[in-house]
Amino acid sequence: MAKKSEIGEESINLELERSRIKREKAKIVLNMGLVLYFGFLIAGIVGFAFKHIDSFLLNVLVVCGIIILIVSTLPYLIIVHKEEKWISLKLYELGK
């Protein structure tokens, strides 16, 4: 039969692994958001430079790119914040 400390250590390791998986998923979303953001900017600038789009459509592309960037950043920030709180709680519990 496993000791309590071994079970606790194993559960902490599993929680850390689950946290890493969530962080990796959020990184993928963030990377795709960055790709879309720069894609919108490049398409807008090139289209505007060669007179394929007008200034209104350029503004729309830039605003959409910024919105995509914000939306893709939020999951990563939320997950990292939760991880920081969890680690702080575990450090506090270990300090007792």
PDB file of N, CA and C in Angstrom:
ATOM      1  N   MET A   1       0.840  -1.181   0.000  1.00  0.00           N
ATOM      2  CA  MET A   1       0.000   0.000   0.000  1.00  0.00           C
ATOM      3  C   MET A   1       0.887   1.246   0.000  1.00  0.00           C
ATOM      4  N   ALA A   2       0.517   2.218  -0.799  1.00  0.00           N
ATOM      5  CA  ALA A   2       1.320   3.432  -0.941  1.00  0.00           C
ATOM      6  C   ALA A   2       1.140   4.339   0.272  1.00  0.00           C
ATOM      7  N   LYS A   3       2.196   5.043   0.606  1.00  0.00           N
ATOM      8  CA  LYS A   3       2.141   5.978   1.721  1.00  0.00           C
ATOM      9  C   LYS A   3       1.394   7.236   1.300  1.00  0.00           C
ATOM     10  N   LYS A   4       0.941   7.982   2.326  1.00  0.00           N
ATOM     11  CA  LYS A   4       0.225   9.228   2.040  1.00  0.00           C
ATOM     12  C   LYS A   4       1.105  10.219   1.294  1.00  0.00           C
ATOM     13  N   SER A   5       2.376  10.279   1.677  1.00  0.00           N
ATOM     14  CA  SER A   5       3.270  11.237   1.022  1.00  0.00           C
ATOM     15  C   SER A   5       3.476  10.879  -0.449  1.00  0.00           C
ATOM     16  N   GLU A   6       3.544   9.574  -0.743  1.00  0.00           N
ATOM     17  CA  GLU A   6       3.696   9.149  -2.137  1.00  0.00           C
ATOM     18  C   GLU A   6       2.453   9.483  -2.949  1.00  0.00           C
ATOM     19  N   ILE A   7       1.290   9.274  -2.337  1.00  0.00           N
ATOM     20  CA  ILE A   7       0.037   9.587  -3.026  1.00  0.00           C
ATOM     21  C   ILE A   7      -0.075  11.091  -3.248  1.00  0.00           C
ATOM     22  N   GLY A   8       0.281  11.876  -2.240  1.00  0.00           N
ATOM     23  CA  GLY A   8       0.243  13.331  -2.375  1.00  0.00           C
ATOM     24  C   GLY A   8       1.210  13.827  -3.429  1.00  0.00           C
ATOM     25  N   GLU A   9       2.397  13.232  -3.443  1.00  0.00           N
ATOM     26  CA  GLU A   9       3.397  13.625  -4.439  1.00  0.00           C
ATOM     27  C   GLU A   9       2.932  13.268  -5.843  1.00  0.00           C
ATOM     28  N   GLU A  10       2.329  12.100  -5.976  1.00  0.00           N
ATOM     29  CA  GLU A  10       1.833  11.666  -7.289  1.00  0.00           C
ATOM     30  C   GLU A  10       0.694  12.568  -7.764  1.00  0.00           C
ATOM     31  N   SER A  11      -0.195  12.953  -6.854  1.00  0.00           N
ATOM     32  CA  SER A  11      -1.298  13.834  -7.252  1.00  0.00           C
ATOM     33  C   SER A  11      -0.777  15.214  -7.655  1.00  0.00           C
ATOM     34  N   ILE A  12       0.262  15.696  -6.967  1.00  0.00           N
ATOM     35  CA  ILE A  12       0.862  16.978  -7.346  1.00  0.00           C
ATOM     36  C   ILE A  12       1.504  16.869  -8.726  1.00  0.00           C
ATOM     37  N   ASN A  13       2.192  15.754  -8.982  1.00  0.00           N
ATOM     38  CA  ASN A  13       2.809  15.557 -10.299  1.00  0.00           C
ATOM     39  C   ASN A  13       1.760  15.502 -11.407  1.00  0.00           C
ATOM     40  N   LEU A  14       0.641  14.826 -11.134  1.00  0.00           N
ATOM     41  CA  LEU A  14      -0.435  14.765 -12.125  1.00  0.00           C
ATOM     42  C   LEU A  14      -1.051  16.143 -12.354  1.00  0.00           C
ATOM     43  N   GLU A  15      -1.213  16.901 -11.289  1.00  0.00           N
ATOM     44  CA  GLU A  15      -1.755  18.251 -11.420  1.00  0.00           C
ATOM     45  C   GLU A  15      -0.812  19.142 -12.229  1.00  0.00           C
ATOM     46  N   LEU A  16       0.486  19.003 -11.994  1.00  0.00           N
ATOM     47  CA  LEU A  16       1.464  19.766 -12.769  1.00  0.00           C
ATOM     48  C   LEU A  16       1.427  19.382 -14.248  1.00  0.00           C
ATOM     49  N   GLU A  17       1.296  18.100 -14.520  1.00  0.00           N
ATOM     50  CA  GLU A  17       1.242  17.643 -15.915  1.00  0.00           C
ATOM     51  C   GLU A  17      -0.015  18.164 -16.612  1.00  0.00           C
ATOM     52  N   ARG A  18      -1.136  18.131 -15.900  1.00  0.00           N
ATOM     53  CA  ARG A  18      -2.377  18.661 -16.467  1.00  0.00           C
ATOM     54  C   ARG A  18      -2.238  20.163 -16.739  1.00  0.00           C
ATOM     55  N   SER A  19      -1.563  20.845 -15.831  1.00  0.00           N
ATOM     56  CA  SER A  19      -1.326  22.271 -15.998  1.00  0.00           C
ATOM     57  C   SER A  19      -0.441  22.541 -17.215  1.00  0.00           C
ATOM     58  N   ARG A  20       0.563  21.711 -17.418  1.00  0.00           N
ATOM     59  CA  ARG A  20       1.437  21.869 -18.596  1.00  0.00           C
ATOM     60  C   ARG A  20       0.654  21.673 -19.890  1.00  0.00           C
ATOM     61  N   ILE A  21      -0.230  20.692 -19.888  1.00  0.00           N
ATOM     62  CA  ILE A  21      -1.040  20.433 -21.083  1.00  0.00           C
ATOM     63  C   ILE A  21      -1.936  21.631 -21.383  1.00  0.00           C
ATOM     64  N   LYS A  22      -2.573  22.178 -20.351  1.00  0.00           N
ATOM     65  CA  LYS A  22      -3.421  23.355 -20.554  1.00  0.00           C
ATOM     66  C   LYS A  22      -2.601  24.532 -21.078  1.00  0.00           C
ATOM     67  N   ARG A  23      -1.399  24.707 -20.524  1.00  0.00           N
ATOM     68  CA  ARG A  23      -0.543  25.806 -20.959  1.00  0.00           C
ATOM     69  C   ARG A  23      -0.129  25.626 -22.412  1.00  0.00           C
ATOM     70  N   GLU A  24       0.168  24.398 -22.814  1.00  0.00           N
ATOM     71  CA  GLU A  24       0.547  24.137 -24.211  1.00  0.00           C
ATOM     72  C   GLU A  24      -0.613  24.427 -25.158  1.00  0.00           C
ATOM     73  N   LYS A  25      -1.822  24.051 -24.758  1.00  0.00           N
ATOM     74  CA  LYS A  25      -2.992  24.362 -25.585  1.00  0.00           C
ATOM     75  C   LYS A  25      -3.163  25.872 -25.729  1.00  0.00           C
ATOM     76  N   ALA A  26      -2.982  26.587 -24.618  1.00  0.00           N
ATOM     77  CA  ALA A  26      -3.114  28.041 -24.666  1.00  0.00           C
ATOM     78  C   ALA A  26      -2.012  28.660 -25.521  1.00  0.00           C
ATOM     79  N   LYS A  27      -0.816  28.074 -25.501  1.00  0.00           N
ATOM     80  CA  LYS A  27       0.271  28.573 -26.349  1.00  0.00           C
ATOM     81  C   LYS A  27      -0.067  28.398 -27.823  1.00  0.00           C
ATOM     82  N   ILE A  28      -0.692  27.273 -28.156  1.00  0.00           N
ATOM     83  CA  ILE A  28      -1.082  27.039 -29.548  1.00  0.00           C
ATOM     84  C   ILE A  28      -2.095  28.090 -29.992  1.00  0.00           C
ATOM     85  N   VAL A  29      -3.076  28.376 -29.136  1.00  0.00           N
ATOM     86  CA  VAL A  29      -4.067  29.406 -29.460  1.00  0.00           C
ATOM     87  C   VAL A  29      -3.383  30.762 -29.607  1.00  0.00           C
ATOM     88  N   LEU A  30      -2.445  31.062 -28.713  1.00  0.00           N
ATOM     89  CA  LEU A  30      -1.718  32.331 -28.788  1.00  0.00           C
ATOM     90  C   LEU A  30      -0.904  32.429 -30.074  1.00  0.00           C
ATOM     91  N   ASN A  31      -0.228  31.357 -30.440  1.00  0.00           N
ATOM     92  CA  ASN A  31       0.566  31.366 -31.675  1.00  0.00           C
ATOM     93  C   ASN A  31      -0.308  31.549 -32.913  1.00  0.00           C
ATOM     94  N   MET A  32      -1.447  30.869 -32.949  1.00  0.00           N
ATOM     95  CA  MET A  32      -2.350  31.031 -34.088  1.00  0.00           C
ATOM     96  C   MET A  32      -2.909  32.451 -34.136  1.00  0.00           C
ATOM     97  N   GLY A  33      -3.179  33.025 -32.973  1.00  0.00           N
ATOM     98  CA  GLY A  33      -3.643  34.409 -32.928  1.00  0.00           C
ATOM     99  C   GLY A  33      -2.598  35.374 -33.456  1.00  0.00           C
ATOM    100  N   LEU A  34      -1.341  35.131 -33.096  1.00  0.00           N
ATOM    101  CA  LEU A  34      -0.262  35.984 -33.608  1.00  0.00           C
ATOM    102  C   LEU A  34      -0.120  35.858 -35.118  1.00  0.00           C
ATOM    103  N   VAL A  35      -0.240  34.634 -35.621  1.00  0.00           N
ATOM    104  CA  VAL A  35      -0.155  34.425 -37.071  1.00  0.00           C
ATOM    105  C   VAL A  35      -1.292  35.167 -37.777  1.00  0.00           C
ATOM    106  N   LEU A  36      -2.505  35.046 -37.246  1.00  0.00           N
ATOM    107  CA  LEU A  36      -3.637  35.756 -37.852  1.00  0.00           C
ATOM    108  C   LEU A  36      -3.453  37.270 -37.771  1.00  0.00           C
ATOM    109  N   TYR A  37      -2.975  37.750 -36.628  1.00  0.00           N
ATOM    110  CA  TYR A  37      -2.754  39.188 -36.451  1.00  0.00           C
ATOM    111  C   TYR A  37      -1.786  39.720 -37.501  1.00  0.00           C
ATOM    112  N   PHE A  38      -0.629  39.068 -37.613  1.00  0.00           N
ATOM    113  CA  PHE A  38       0.347  39.540 -38.596  1.00  0.00           C
ATOM    114  C   PHE A  38      -0.145  39.320 -40.025  1.00  0.00           C
ATOM    115  N   GLY A  39      -0.913  38.262 -40.242  1.00  0.00           N
ATOM    116  CA  GLY A  39      -1.497  38.044 -41.565  1.00  0.00           C
ATOM    117  C   GLY A  39      -2.447  39.167 -41.951  1.00  0.00           C
ATOM    118  N   PHE A  40      -3.292  39.581 -41.000  1.00  0.00           N
ATOM    119  CA  PHE A  40      -4.206  40.688 -41.270  1.00  0.00           C
ATOM    120  C   PHE A  40      -3.428  41.972 -41.537  1.00  0.00           C
ATOM    121  N   LEU A  41      -2.394  42.215 -40.736  1.00  0.00           N
ATOM    122  CA  LEU A  41      -1.610  43.440 -40.935  1.00  0.00           C
ATOM    123  C   LEU A  41      -0.906  43.444 -42.286  1.00  0.00           C
ATOM    124  N   ILE A  42      -0.280  42.342 -42.626  1.00  0.00           N
ATOM    125  CA  ILE A  42       0.440  42.270 -43.902  1.00  0.00           C
ATOM    126  C   ILE A  42      -0.527  42.399 -45.075  1.00  0.00           C
ATOM    127  N   ALA A  43      -1.654  41.682 -44.997  1.00  0.00           N
ATOM    128  CA  ALA A  43      -2.642  41.772 -46.078  1.00  0.00           C
ATOM    129  C   ALA A  43      -3.174  43.194 -46.201  1.00  0.00           C
ATOM    130  N   GLY A  44      -3.419  43.828 -45.069  1.00  0.00           N
ATOM    131  CA  GLY A  44      -3.922  45.197 -45.106  1.00  0.00           C
ATOM    132  C   GLY A  44      -2.917  46.178 -45.669  1.00  0.00           C
ATOM    133  N   ILE A  45      -1.677  46.072 -45.229  1.00  0.00           N
ATOM    134  CA  ILE A  45      -0.649  47.009 -45.693  1.00  0.00           C
ATOM    135  C   ILE A  45      -0.342  46.804 -47.173  1.00  0.00           C
ATOM    136  N   VAL A  46      -0.186  45.551 -47.575  1.00  0.00           N
ATOM    137  CA  VAL A  46       0.109  45.275 -48.989  1.00  0.00           C
ATOM    138  C   VAL A  46      -1.076  45.676 -49.864  1.00  0.00           C
ATOM    139  N   GLY A  47      -2.281  45.338 -49.432  1.00  0.00           N
ATOM    140  CA  GLY A  47      -3.467  45.712 -50.203  1.00  0.00           C
ATOM    141  C   GLY A  47      -3.638  47.215 -50.316  1.00  0.00           C
ATOM    142  N   PHE A  48      -3.337  47.916 -49.229  1.00  0.00           N
ATOM    143  CA  PHE A  48      -3.454  49.379 -49.256  1.00  0.00           C
ATOM    144  C   PHE A  48      -2.353  50.006 -50.104  1.00  0.00           C
ATOM    145  N   ALA A  49      -1.150  49.450 -50.020  1.00  0.00           N
ATOM    146  CA  ALA A  49      -0.026  50.001 -50.790  1.00  0.00           C
ATOM    147  C   ALA A  49      -0.252  49.860 -52.291  1.00  0.00           C
ATOM    148  N   PHE A  50      -0.872  48.755 -52.708  1.00  0.00           N
ATOM    149  CA  PHE A  50      -1.116  48.536 -54.133  1.00  0.00           C
ATOM    150  C   PHE A  50      -2.527  48.937 -54.548  1.00  0.00           C
ATOM    151  N   LYS A  51      -3.199  49.698 -53.699  1.00  0.00           N
ATOM    152  CA  LYS A  51      -4.524  50.279 -53.988  1.00  0.00           C
ATOM    153  C   LYS A  51      -5.614  49.230 -54.244  1.00  0.00           C
ATOM    154  N   HIS A  52      -5.487  48.054 -53.612  1.00  0.00           N
ATOM    155  CA  HIS A  52      -6.541  47.046 -53.738  1.00  0.00           C
ATOM    156  C   HIS A  52      -7.635  47.245 -52.694  1.00  0.00           C
ATOM    157  N   ILE A  53      -7.285  47.871 -51.576  1.00  0.00           N
ATOM    158  CA  ILE A  53      -8.279  48.152 -50.542  1.00  0.00           C
ATOM    159  C   ILE A  53      -8.189  49.631 -50.167  1.00  0.00           C
ATOM    160  N   ASP A  54      -9.310  50.161 -49.665  1.00  0.00           N
ATOM    161  CA  ASP A  54      -9.311  51.567 -49.262  1.00  0.00           C
ATOM    162  C   ASP A  54      -8.950  51.691 -47.778  1.00  0.00           C
ATOM    163  N   SER A  55      -8.913  52.914 -47.288  1.00  0.00           N
ATOM    164  CA  SER A  55      -8.473  53.153 -45.911  1.00  0.00           C
ATOM    165  C   SER A  55      -9.457  52.578 -44.890  1.00  0.00           C
ATOM    166  N   PHE A  56     -10.756  52.571 -45.210  1.00  0.00           N
ATOM    167  CA  PHE A  56     -11.737  52.010 -44.279  1.00  0.00           C
ATOM    168  C   PHE A  56     -11.497  50.519 -44.072  1.00  0.00           C
ATOM    169  N   LEU A  57     -11.287  49.791 -45.158  1.00  0.00           N
ATOM    170  CA  LEU A  57     -11.041  48.356 -45.043  1.00  0.00           C
ATOM    171  C   LEU A  57      -9.713  48.080 -44.337  1.00  0.00           C
ATOM    172  N   LEU A  58      -8.727  48.936 -44.550  1.00  0.00           N
ATOM    173  CA  LEU A  58      -7.456  48.806 -43.830  1.00  0.00           C
ATOM    174  C   LEU A  58      -7.686  48.961 -42.330  1.00  0.00           C
ATOM    175  N   ASN A  59      -8.479  49.953 -41.949  1.00  0.00           N
ATOM    176  CA  ASN A  59      -8.794  50.150 -40.532  1.00  0.00           C
ATOM    177  C   ASN A  59      -9.543  48.958 -39.956  1.00  0.00           C
ATOM    178  N   VAL A  60     -10.469  48.415 -40.730  1.00  0.00           N
ATOM    179  CA  VAL A  60     -11.217  47.239 -40.270  1.00  0.00           C
ATOM    180  C   VAL A  60     -10.274  46.057 -40.063  1.00  0.00           C
ATOM    181  N   LEU A  61      -9.355  45.839 -40.985  1.00  0.00           N
ATOM    182  CA  LEU A  61      -8.397  44.738 -40.848  1.00  0.00           C
ATOM    183  C   LEU A  61      -7.496  44.924 -39.630  1.00  0.00           C
ATOM    184  N   VAL A  62      -7.058  46.144 -39.387  1.00  0.00           N
ATOM    185  CA  VAL A  62      -6.202  46.405 -38.228  1.00  0.00           C
ATOM    186  C   VAL A  62      -6.974  46.177 -36.931  1.00  0.00           C
ATOM    187  N   VAL A  63      -8.200  46.678 -36.861  1.00  0.00           N
ATOM    188  CA  VAL A  63      -9.013  46.486 -35.652  1.00  0.00           C
ATOM    189  C   VAL A  63      -9.317  45.005 -35.442  1.00  0.00           C
ATOM    190  N   CYS A  64      -9.660  44.288 -36.501  1.00  0.00           N
ATOM    191  CA  CYS A  64      -9.906  42.846 -36.379  1.00  0.00           C
ATOM    192  C   CYS A  64      -8.649  42.116 -35.916  1.00  0.00           C
ATOM    193  N   GLY A  65      -7.506  42.517 -36.429  1.00  0.00           N
ATOM    194  CA  GLY A  65      -6.252  41.910 -35.999  1.00  0.00           C
ATOM    195  C   GLY A  65      -5.987  42.132 -34.523  1.00  0.00           C
ATOM    196  N   ILE A  66      -6.255  43.343 -34.046  1.00  0.00           N
ATOM    197  CA  ILE A  66      -6.054  43.641 -32.623  1.00  0.00           C
ATOM    198  C   ILE A  66      -7.026  42.842 -31.764  1.00  0.00           C
ATOM    199  N   ILE A  67      -8.270  42.730 -32.204  1.00  0.00           N
ATOM    200  CA  ILE A  67      -9.253  41.937 -31.453  1.00  0.00           C
ATOM    201  C   ILE A  67      -8.822  40.478 -31.393  1.00  0.00           C
ATOM    202  N   ILE A  68      -8.367  39.935 -32.503  1.00  0.00           N
ATOM    203  CA  ILE A  68      -7.889  38.549 -32.528  1.00  0.00           C
ATOM    204  C   ILE A  68      -6.704  38.379 -31.587  1.00  0.00           C
ATOM    205  N   LEU A  69      -5.809  39.341 -31.574  1.00  0.00           N
ATOM    206  CA  LEU A  69      -4.645  39.276 -30.692  1.00  0.00           C
ATOM    207  C   LEU A  69      -5.069  39.279 -29.224  1.00  0.00           C
ATOM    208  N   ILE A  70      -6.015  40.123 -28.869  1.00  0.00           N
ATOM    209  CA  ILE A  70      -6.496  40.177 -27.484  1.00  0.00           C
ATOM    210  C   ILE A  70      -7.189  38.883 -27.104  1.00  0.00           C
ATOM    211  N   VAL A  71      -8.073  38.401 -27.967  1.00  0.00           N
ATOM    212  CA  VAL A  71      -8.820  37.177 -27.667  1.00  0.00           C
ATOM    213  C   VAL A  71      -7.896  35.971 -27.567  1.00  0.00           C
ATOM    214  N   SER A  72      -6.865  35.921 -28.376  1.00  0.00           N
ATOM    215  CA  SER A  72      -5.956  34.772 -28.323  1.00  0.00           C
ATOM    216  C   SER A  72      -5.000  34.855 -27.138  1.00  0.00           C
ATOM    217  N   THR A  73      -4.787  36.038 -26.590  1.00  0.00           N
ATOM    218  CA  THR A  73      -3.901  36.195 -25.442  1.00  0.00           C
ATOM    219  C   THR A  73      -4.603  35.855 -24.134  1.00  0.00           C
ATOM    220  N   LEU A  74      -5.897  36.084 -24.053  1.00  0.00           N
ATOM    221  CA  LEU A  74      -6.629  35.882 -22.804  1.00  0.00           C
ATOM    222  C   LEU A  74      -6.524  34.469 -22.230  1.00  0.00           C
ATOM    223  N   PRO A  75      -6.706  33.403 -23.013  1.00  0.00           N
ATOM    224  CA  PRO A  75      -6.604  32.066 -22.408  1.00  0.00           C
ATOM    225  C   PRO A  75      -5.242  31.805 -21.769  1.00  0.00           C
ATOM    226  N   TYR A  76      -4.185  32.258 -22.413  1.00  0.00           N
ATOM    227  CA  TYR A  76      -2.846  32.045 -21.866  1.00  0.00           C
ATOM    228  C   TYR A  76      -2.670  32.807 -20.559  1.00  0.00           C
ATOM    229  N   LEU A  77      -3.122  34.052 -20.525  1.00  0.00           N
ATOM    230  CA  LEU A  77      -2.996  34.845 -19.308  1.00  0.00           C
ATOM    231  C   LEU A  77      -3.801  34.252 -18.160  1.00  0.00           C
ATOM    232  N   ILE A  78      -4.999  33.773 -18.453  1.00  0.00           N
ATOM    233  CA  ILE A  78      -5.847  33.182 -17.416  1.00  0.00           C
ATOM    234  C   ILE A  78      -5.208  31.921 -16.856  1.00  0.00           C
ATOM    235  N   ILE A  79      -4.706  31.062 -17.715  1.00  0.00           N
ATOM    236  CA  ILE A  79      -4.094  29.812 -17.264  1.00  0.00           C
ATOM    237  C   ILE A  79      -2.837  30.082 -16.453  1.00  0.00           C
ATOM    238  N   VAL A  80      -2.006  31.001 -16.902  1.00  0.00           N
ATOM    239  CA  VAL A  80      -0.781  31.317 -16.160  1.00  0.00           C
ATOM    240  C   VAL A  80      -1.125  31.915 -14.799  1.00  0.00           C
ATOM    241  N   HIS A  81      -2.149  32.751 -14.738  1.00  0.00           N
ATOM    242  CA  HIS A  81      -2.560  33.333 -13.462  1.00  0.00           C
ATOM    243  C   HIS A  81      -3.044  32.256 -12.490  1.00  0.00           C
ATOM    244  N   LYS A  82      -3.844  31.311 -12.992  1.00  0.00           N
ATOM    245  CA  LYS A  82      -4.315  30.211 -12.139  1.00  0.00           C
ATOM    246  C   LYS A  82      -3.146  29.362 -11.648  1.00  0.00           C
ATOM    247  N   GLU A  83      -2.178  29.107 -12.515  1.00  0.00           N
ATOM    248  CA  GLU A  83      -1.005  28.327 -12.115  1.00  0.00           C
ATOM    249  C   GLU A  83      -0.220  29.044 -11.026  1.00  0.00           C
ATOM    250  N   GLU A  84      -0.056  30.346 -11.168  1.00  0.00           N
ATOM    251  CA  GLU A  84       0.670  31.112 -10.160  1.00  0.00           C
ATOM    252  C   GLU A  84      -0.035  31.048  -8.813  1.00  0.00           C
ATOM    253  N   LYS A  85      -1.361  31.164  -8.820  1.00  0.00           N
ATOM    254  CA  LYS A  85      -2.112  31.066  -7.569  1.00  0.00           C
ATOM    255  C   LYS A  85      -1.969  29.681  -6.956  1.00  0.00           C
ATOM    256  N   TRP A  86      -2.035  28.634  -7.778  1.00  0.00           N
ATOM    257  CA  TRP A  86      -1.924  27.263  -7.278  1.00  0.00           C
ATOM    258  C   TRP A  86      -0.540  27.020  -6.684  1.00  0.00           C
ATOM    259  N   ILE A  87       0.498  27.496  -7.361  1.00  0.00           N
ATOM    260  CA  ILE A  87       1.863  27.317  -6.861  1.00  0.00           C
ATOM    261  C   ILE A  87       2.053  28.090  -5.559  1.00  0.00           C
ATOM    262  N   SER A  88       1.525  29.297  -5.490  1.00  0.00           N
ATOM    263  CA  SER A  88       1.632  30.075  -4.255  1.00  0.00           C
ATOM    264  C   SER A  88       0.933  29.368  -3.104  1.00  0.00           C
ATOM    265  N   LEU A  89      -0.233  28.789  -3.375  1.00  0.00           N
ATOM    266  CA  LEU A  89      -0.968  28.052  -2.348  1.00  0.00           C
ATOM    267  C   LEU A  89      -0.179  26.839  -1.877  1.00  0.00           C
ATOM    268  N   LYS A  90       0.404  26.093  -2.812  1.00  0.00           N
ATOM    269  CA  LYS A  90       1.192  24.911  -2.436  1.00  0.00           C
ATOM    270  C   LYS A  90       2.437  25.307  -1.644  1.00  0.00           C
ATOM    271  N   LEU A  91       3.091  26.394  -2.033  1.00  0.00           N
ATOM    272  CA  LEU A  91       4.260  26.860  -1.285  1.00  0.00           C
ATOM    273  C   LEU A  91       3.871  27.298   0.119  1.00  0.00           C
ATOM    274  N   TYR A  92       2.712  27.937   0.242  1.00  0.00           N
ATOM    275  CA  TYR A  92       2.232  28.344   1.560  1.00  0.00           C
ATOM    276  C   TYR A  92       1.931  27.124   2.424  1.00  0.00           C
ATOM    277  N   GLU A  93       1.298  26.095   1.821  1.00  0.00           N
ATOM    278  CA  GLU A  93       0.991  24.865   2.565  1.00  0.00           C
ATOM    279  C   GLU A  93       2.262  24.144   2.989  1.00  0.00           C
ATOM    280  N   LEU A  94       3.270  24.143   2.141  1.00  0.00           N
ATOM    281  CA  LEU A  94       4.533  23.492   2.493  1.00  0.00           C
ATOM    282  C   LEU A  94       5.271  24.260   3.586  1.00  0.00           C
ATOM    283  N   GLY A  95       5.068  25.568   3.635  1.00  0.00           N
ATOM    284  CA  GLY A  95       5.723  26.397   4.638  1.00  0.00           C
ATOM    285  C   GLY A  95       5.151  26.224   6.027  1.00  0.00           C
ATOM    286  N   LYS A  96       3.929  25.739   6.126  1.00  0.00           N
ATOM    287  CA  LYS A  96       3.293  25.547   7.440  1.00  0.00           C
ATOM    288  C   LYS A  96       3.921  24.435   8.207  1.00  0.00           C
TER     289      LYS A  96
END
